[in-house]
Amino acid sequence: MPDLSWQALYGAALSESDPMKLAGRIEAARHAIRQRLRELDDSSSPRERRQLEDAQHVLFTLAARRRSA
């Protein structure tokens, strides 16, 4: 079974070189990140929350660059 963790999907989006697949990879990673953020509670790791927020920002930037290219 493939690893569908947010980290794996995020990595797949960052390493995708096919412009036709990039939007789908970005959306899959965004969805997994949003899901993980919903799973976290106040006692969860602030480090992971920051990683998730940073990943969201990178994906936003990647998508914006793709649209402007």
PDB file of N, CA and C in Angstrom:
ATOM      1  N   MET A   1       0.842  -1.185   0.000  1.00  0.00           N
ATOM      2  CA  MET A   1       0.000   0.000   0.000  1.00  0.00           C
ATOM      3  C   MET A   1       0.887   1.248   0.000  1.00  0.00           C
ATOM      4  N   PRO A   2       0.595   2.220  -0.879  1.00  0.00           N
ATOM      5  CA  PRO A   2       1.446   3.411  -0.935  1.00  0.00           C
ATOM      6  C   PRO A   2       1.284   4.284   0.304  1.00  0.00           C
ATOM      7  N   ASP A   3       2.344   5.019   0.635  1.00  0.00           N
ATOM      8  CA  ASP A   3       2.323   5.929   1.776  1.00  0.00           C
ATOM      9  C   ASP A   3       1.548   7.186   1.369  1.00  0.00           C
ATOM     10  N   LEU A   4       0.399   7.413   1.999  1.00  0.00           N
ATOM     11  CA  LEU A   4      -0.425   8.573   1.678  1.00  0.00           C
ATOM     12  C   LEU A   4      -0.395   9.612   2.783  1.00  0.00           C
ATOM     13  N   SER A   5       0.665   9.611   3.575  1.00  0.00           N
ATOM     14  CA  SER A   5       0.800  10.620   4.615  1.00  0.00           C
ATOM     15  C   SER A   5       0.972  11.987   3.963  1.00  0.00           C
ATOM     16  N   TRP A   6       0.700  13.023   4.727  1.00  0.00           N
ATOM     17  CA  TRP A   6       0.836  14.350   4.158  1.00  0.00           C
ATOM     18  C   TRP A   6       2.264  14.604   3.701  1.00  0.00           C
ATOM     19  N   GLN A   7       3.243  14.054   4.430  1.00  0.00           N
ATOM     20  CA  GLN A   7       4.644  14.269   4.048  1.00  0.00           C
ATOM     21  C   GLN A   7       4.949  13.645   2.682  1.00  0.00           C
ATOM     22  N   ALA A   8       4.441  12.442   2.447  1.00  0.00           N
ATOM     23  CA  ALA A   8       4.682  11.770   1.173  1.00  0.00           C
ATOM     24  C   ALA A   8       4.015  12.521   0.027  1.00  0.00           C
ATOM     25  N   LEU A   9       2.792  12.973   0.244  1.00  0.00           N
ATOM     26  CA  LEU A   9       2.082  13.705  -0.806  1.00  0.00           C
ATOM     27  C   LEU A   9       2.718  15.072  -1.058  1.00  0.00           C
ATOM     28  N   TYR A  10       3.186  15.701  -0.013  1.00  0.00           N
ATOM     29  CA  TYR A  10       3.895  16.975  -0.135  1.00  0.00           C
ATOM     30  C   TYR A  10       5.185  16.780  -0.932  1.00  0.00           C
ATOM     31  N   GLY A  11       5.933  15.750  -0.591  1.00  0.00           N
ATOM     32  CA  GLY A  11       7.160  15.453  -1.324  1.00  0.00           C
ATOM     33  C   GLY A  11       6.896  15.160  -2.786  1.00  0.00           C
ATOM     34  N   ALA A  12       5.814  14.444  -3.062  1.00  0.00           N
ATOM     35  CA  ALA A  12       5.461  14.135  -4.448  1.00  0.00           C
ATOM     36  C   ALA A  12       5.132  15.409  -5.224  1.00  0.00           C
ATOM     37  N   ALA A  13       4.444  16.343  -4.585  1.00  0.00           N
ATOM     38  CA  ALA A  13       4.129  17.614  -5.248  1.00  0.00           C
ATOM     39  C   ALA A  13       5.396  18.408  -5.541  1.00  0.00           C
ATOM     40  N   LEU A  14       6.302  18.442  -4.572  1.00  0.00           N
ATOM     41  CA  LEU A  14       7.536  19.205  -4.759  1.00  0.00           C
ATOM     42  C   LEU A  14       8.429  18.616  -5.841  1.00  0.00           C
ATOM     43  N   SER A  15       8.380  17.312  -6.007  1.00  0.00           N
ATOM     44  CA  SER A  15       9.281  16.672  -6.972  1.00  0.00           C
ATOM     45  C   SER A  15       8.632  16.415  -8.327  1.00  0.00           C
ATOM     46  N   GLU A  16       7.354  16.767  -8.493  1.00  0.00           N
ATOM     47  CA  GLU A  16       6.670  16.512  -9.766  1.00  0.00           C
ATOM     48  C   GLU A  16       7.237  17.402 -10.866  1.00  0.00           C
ATOM     49  N   SER A  17       7.684  16.790 -11.940  1.00  0.00           N
ATOM     50  CA  SER A  17       8.247  17.548 -13.062  1.00  0.00           C
ATOM     51  C   SER A  17       7.287  17.645 -14.245  1.00  0.00           C
ATOM     52  N   ASP A  18       6.226  16.869 -14.234  1.00  0.00           N
ATOM     53  CA  ASP A  18       5.247  16.895 -15.318  1.00  0.00           C
ATOM     54  C   ASP A  18       4.208  17.980 -15.032  1.00  0.00           C
ATOM     55  N   PRO A  19       4.190  19.050 -15.831  1.00  0.00           N
ATOM     56  CA  PRO A  19       3.237  20.146 -15.589  1.00  0.00           C
ATOM     57  C   PRO A  19       1.776  19.692 -15.607  1.00  0.00           C
ATOM     58  N   MET A  20       1.479  18.631 -16.334  1.00  0.00           N
ATOM     59  CA  MET A  20       0.103  18.131 -16.421  1.00  0.00           C
ATOM     60  C   MET A  20      -0.326  17.447 -15.121  1.00  0.00           C
ATOM     61  N   LYS A  21       0.602  16.960 -14.339  1.00  0.00           N
ATOM     62  CA  LYS A  21       0.294  16.263 -13.090  1.00  0.00           C
ATOM     63  C   LYS A  21       0.450  17.145 -11.860  1.00  0.00           C
ATOM     64  N   LEU A  22       1.130  18.272 -12.012  1.00  0.00           N
ATOM     65  CA  LEU A  22       1.476  19.091 -10.855  1.00  0.00           C
ATOM     66  C   LEU A  22       0.258  19.583 -10.074  1.00  0.00           C
ATOM     67  N   ALA A  23      -0.759  20.084 -10.762  1.00  0.00           N
ATOM     68  CA  ALA A  23      -1.937  20.610 -10.062  1.00  0.00           C
ATOM     69  C   ALA A  23      -2.594  19.526  -9.200  1.00  0.00           C
ATOM     70  N   GLY A  24      -2.681  18.323  -9.723  1.00  0.00           N
ATOM     71  CA  GLY A  24      -3.269  17.223  -8.961  1.00  0.00           C
ATOM     72  C   GLY A  24      -2.441  16.855  -7.743  1.00  0.00           C
ATOM     73  N   ARG A  25      -1.126  16.874  -7.910  1.00  0.00           N
ATOM     74  CA  ARG A  25      -0.242  16.567  -6.774  1.00  0.00           C
ATOM     75  C   ARG A  25      -0.363  17.639  -5.688  1.00  0.00           C
ATOM     76  N   ILE A  26      -0.417  18.900  -6.110  1.00  0.00           N
ATOM     77  CA  ILE A  26      -0.560  19.996  -5.153  1.00  0.00           C
ATOM     78  C   ILE A  26      -1.869  19.861  -4.397  1.00  0.00           C
ATOM     79  N   GLU A  27      -2.948  19.594  -5.120  1.00  0.00           N
ATOM     80  CA  GLU A  27      -4.252  19.476  -4.464  1.00  0.00           C
ATOM     81  C   GLU A  27      -4.294  18.293  -3.501  1.00  0.00           C
ATOM     82  N   ALA A  28      -3.707  17.173  -3.876  1.00  0.00           N
ATOM     83  CA  ALA A  28      -3.676  16.004  -2.984  1.00  0.00           C
ATOM     84  C   ALA A  28      -2.905  16.330  -1.708  1.00  0.00           C
ATOM     85  N   ALA A  29      -1.789  17.029  -1.846  1.00  0.00           N
ATOM     86  CA  ALA A  29      -0.998  17.400  -0.669  1.00  0.00           C
ATOM     87  C   ALA A  29      -1.757  18.391   0.204  1.00  0.00           C
ATOM     88  N   ARG A  30      -2.399  19.370  -0.421  1.00  0.00           N
ATOM     89  CA  ARG A  30      -3.182  20.345   0.348  1.00  0.00           C
ATOM     90  C   ARG A  30      -4.293  19.658   1.131  1.00  0.00           C
ATOM     91  N   HIS A  31      -4.969  18.731   0.503  1.00  0.00           N
ATOM     92  CA  HIS A  31      -6.060  18.007   1.157  1.00  0.00           C
ATOM     93  C   HIS A  31      -5.534  17.227   2.371  1.00  0.00           C
ATOM     94  N   ALA A  32      -4.425  16.524   2.190  1.00  0.00           N
ATOM     95  CA  ALA A  32      -3.843  15.738   3.289  1.00  0.00           C
ATOM     96  C   ALA A  32      -3.388  16.642   4.427  1.00  0.00           C
ATOM     97  N   ILE A  33      -2.844  17.787   4.103  1.00  0.00           N
ATOM     98  CA  ILE A  33      -2.397  18.734   5.129  1.00  0.00           C
ATOM     99  C   ILE A  33      -3.598  19.280   5.901  1.00  0.00           C
ATOM    100  N   ARG A  34      -4.649  19.670   5.184  1.00  0.00           N
ATOM    101  CA  ARG A  34      -5.856  20.156   5.860  1.00  0.00           C
ATOM    102  C   ARG A  34      -6.436  19.082   6.779  1.00  0.00           C
ATOM    103  N   GLN A  35      -6.443  17.848   6.301  1.00  0.00           N
ATOM    104  CA  GLN A  35      -6.962  16.738   7.105  1.00  0.00           C
ATOM    105  C   GLN A  35      -6.126  16.570   8.379  1.00  0.00           C
ATOM    106  N   ARG A  36      -4.813  16.604   8.222  1.00  0.00           N
ATOM    107  CA  ARG A  36      -3.940  16.440   9.390  1.00  0.00           C
ATOM    108  C   ARG A  36      -4.131  17.584  10.380  1.00  0.00           C
ATOM    109  N   LEU A  37      -4.277  18.805   9.889  1.00  0.00           N
ATOM    110  CA  LEU A  37      -4.507  19.938  10.779  1.00  0.00           C
ATOM    111  C   LEU A  37      -5.807  19.767  11.566  1.00  0.00           C
ATOM    112  N   ARG A  38      -6.836  19.202  10.933  1.00  0.00           N
ATOM    113  CA  ARG A  38      -8.098  18.941  11.638  1.00  0.00           C
ATOM    114  C   ARG A  38      -7.918  17.880  12.721  1.00  0.00           C
ATOM    115  N   GLU A  39      -7.003  16.947  12.510  1.00  0.00           N
ATOM    116  CA  GLU A  39      -6.763  15.878  13.477  1.00  0.00           C
ATOM    117  C   GLU A  39      -6.011  16.365  14.716  1.00  0.00           C
ATOM    118  N   LEU A  40      -5.220  17.401  14.560  1.00  0.00           N
ATOM    119  CA  LEU A  40      -4.414  17.896  15.676  1.00  0.00           C
ATOM    120  C   LEU A  40      -5.294  18.593  16.701  1.00  0.00           C
ATOM    121  N   ASP A  41      -4.944  18.443  17.957  1.00  0.00           N
ATOM    122  CA  ASP A  41      -5.629  19.185  19.009  1.00  0.00           C
ATOM    123  C   ASP A  41      -4.623  20.110  19.684  1.00  0.00           C
ATOM    124  N   ASP A  42      -5.085  20.820  20.677  1.00  0.00           N
ATOM    125  CA  ASP A  42      -4.222  21.809  21.332  1.00  0.00           C
ATOM    126  C   ASP A  42      -2.995  21.199  21.989  1.00  0.00           C
ATOM    127  N   SER A  43      -3.073  19.936  22.356  1.00  0.00           N
ATOM    128  CA  SER A  43      -1.935  19.294  23.004  1.00  0.00           C
ATOM    129  C   SER A  43      -0.952  18.697  21.999  1.00  0.00           C
ATOM    130  N   SER A  44      -1.277  18.794  20.710  1.00  0.00           N
ATOM    131  CA  SER A  44      -0.404  18.229  19.677  1.00  0.00           C
ATOM    132  C   SER A  44       0.880  19.034  19.541  1.00  0.00           C
ATOM    133  N   SER A  45       1.797  18.448  18.861  1.00  0.00           N
ATOM    134  CA  SER A  45       3.112  19.039  18.674  1.00  0.00           C
ATOM    135  C   SER A  45       3.055  20.373  17.931  1.00  0.00           C
ATOM    136  N   PRO A  46       3.527  21.451  18.572  1.00  0.00           N
ATOM    137  CA  PRO A  46       3.598  22.732  17.864  1.00  0.00           C
ATOM    138  C   PRO A  46       4.559  22.648  16.670  1.00  0.00           C
ATOM    139  N   ARG A  47       5.552  21.769  16.785  1.00  0.00           N
ATOM    140  CA  ARG A  47       6.513  21.602  15.689  1.00  0.00           C
ATOM    141  C   ARG A  47       5.811  21.065  14.439  1.00  0.00           C
ATOM    142  N   GLU A  48       4.963  20.054  14.615  1.00  0.00           N
ATOM    143  CA  GLU A  48       4.259  19.504  13.457  1.00  0.00           C
ATOM    144  C   GLU A  48       3.289  20.533  12.872  1.00  0.00           C
ATOM    145  N   ARG A  49       2.605  21.262  13.743  1.00  0.00           N
ATOM    146  CA  ARG A  49       1.683  22.292  13.256  1.00  0.00           C
ATOM    147  C   ARG A  49       2.441  23.315  12.410  1.00  0.00           C
ATOM    148  N   ARG A  50       3.618  23.702  12.860  1.00  0.00           N
ATOM    149  CA  ARG A  50       4.427  24.674  12.103  1.00  0.00           C
ATOM    150  C   ARG A  50       4.868  24.070  10.770  1.00  0.00           C
ATOM    151  N   GLN A  51       5.252  22.798  10.773  1.00  0.00           N
ATOM    152  CA  GLN A  51       5.635  22.129   9.530  1.00  0.00           C
ATOM    153  C   GLN A  51       4.471  22.114   8.543  1.00  0.00           C
ATOM    154  N   LEU A  52       3.289  21.845   9.044  1.00  0.00           N
ATOM    155  CA  LEU A  52       2.104  21.823   8.184  1.00  0.00           C
ATOM    156  C   LEU A  52       1.819  23.206   7.609  1.00  0.00           C
ATOM    157  N   GLU A  53       1.922  24.222   8.442  1.00  0.00           N
ATOM    158  CA  GLU A  53       1.683  25.588   7.978  1.00  0.00           C
ATOM    159  C   GLU A  53       2.734  26.014   6.957  1.00  0.00           C
ATOM    160  N   ASP A  54       3.982  25.646   7.199  1.00  0.00           N
ATOM    161  CA  ASP A  54       5.051  25.956   6.244  1.00  0.00           C
ATOM    162  C   ASP A  54       4.805  25.244   4.908  1.00  0.00           C
ATOM    163  N   ALA A  55       4.384  23.989   4.979  1.00  0.00           N
ATOM    164  CA  ALA A  55       4.111  23.219   3.767  1.00  0.00           C
ATOM    165  C   ALA A  55       2.964  23.849   2.983  1.00  0.00           C
ATOM    166  N   GLN A  56       1.927  24.301   3.681  1.00  0.00           N
ATOM    167  CA  GLN A  56       0.822  24.977   2.999  1.00  0.00           C
ATOM    168  C   GLN A  56       1.320  26.206   2.246  1.00  0.00           C
ATOM    169  N   HIS A  57       2.177  26.969   2.879  1.00  0.00           N
ATOM    170  CA  HIS A  57       2.719  28.176   2.247  1.00  0.00           C
ATOM    171  C   HIS A  57       3.528  27.825   0.995  1.00  0.00           C
ATOM    172  N   VAL A  58       4.363  26.818   1.094  1.00  0.00           N
ATOM    173  CA  VAL A  58       5.174  26.408  -0.052  1.00  0.00           C
ATOM    174  C   VAL A  58       4.279  25.956  -1.206  1.00  0.00           C
ATOM    175  N   LEU A  59       3.248  25.188  -0.896  1.00  0.00           N
ATOM    176  CA  LEU A  59       2.333  24.716  -1.940  1.00  0.00           C
ATOM    177  C   LEU A  59       1.581  25.883  -2.583  1.00  0.00           C
ATOM    178  N   PHE A  60       1.193  26.853  -1.787  1.00  0.00           N
ATOM    179  CA  PHE A  60       0.534  28.044  -2.325  1.00  0.00           C
ATOM    180  C   PHE A  60       1.468  28.758  -3.301  1.00  0.00           C
ATOM    181  N   THR A  61       2.715  28.930  -2.912  1.00  0.00           N
ATOM    182  CA  THR A  61       3.704  29.588  -3.759  1.00  0.00           C
ATOM    183  C   THR A  61       3.954  28.784  -5.029  1.00  0.00           C
ATOM    184  N   LEU A  62       4.074  27.484  -4.897  1.00  0.00           N
ATOM    185  CA  LEU A  62       4.292  26.608  -6.056  1.00  0.00           C
ATOM    186  C   LEU A  62       3.123  26.719  -7.037  1.00  0.00           C
ATOM    187  N   ALA A  63       1.906  26.704  -6.533  1.00  0.00           N
ATOM    188  CA  ALA A  63       0.724  26.819  -7.392  1.00  0.00           C
ATOM    189  C   ALA A  63       0.680  28.182  -8.069  1.00  0.00           C
ATOM    190  N   ALA A  64       1.021  29.240  -7.343  1.00  0.00           N
ATOM    191  CA  ALA A  64       1.000  30.593  -7.901  1.00  0.00           C
ATOM    192  C   ALA A  64       2.039  30.727  -9.006  1.00  0.00           C
ATOM    193  N   ARG A  65       3.213  30.171  -8.802  1.00  0.00           N
ATOM    194  CA  ARG A  65       4.262  30.215  -9.830  1.00  0.00           C
ATOM    195  C   ARG A  65       3.848  29.442 -11.067  1.00  0.00           C
ATOM    196  N   ARG A  66       3.163  28.311 -10.857  1.00  0.00           N
ATOM    197  CA  ARG A  66       2.693  27.491 -11.966  1.00  0.00           C
ATOM    198  C   ARG A  66       1.692  28.288 -12.802  1.00  0.00           C
ATOM    199  N   ARG A  67       0.794  29.012 -12.135  1.00  0.00           N
ATOM    200  CA  ARG A  67      -0.224  29.785 -12.853  1.00  0.00           C
ATOM    201  C   ARG A  67       0.397  30.936 -13.631  1.00  0.00           C
ATOM    202  N   SER A  68       1.457  31.522 -13.106  1.00  0.00           N
ATOM    203  CA  SER A  68       2.052  32.689 -13.766  1.00  0.00           C
ATOM    204  C   SER A  68       3.069  32.312 -14.837  1.00  0.00           C
ATOM    205  N   ALA A  69       3.407  31.032 -14.921  1.00  0.00           N
ATOM    206  CA  ALA A  69       4.408  30.605 -15.913  1.00  0.00           C
ATOM    207  C   ALA A  69       3.808  30.449 -17.290  1.00  0.00           C
TER     208      ALA A  69
END
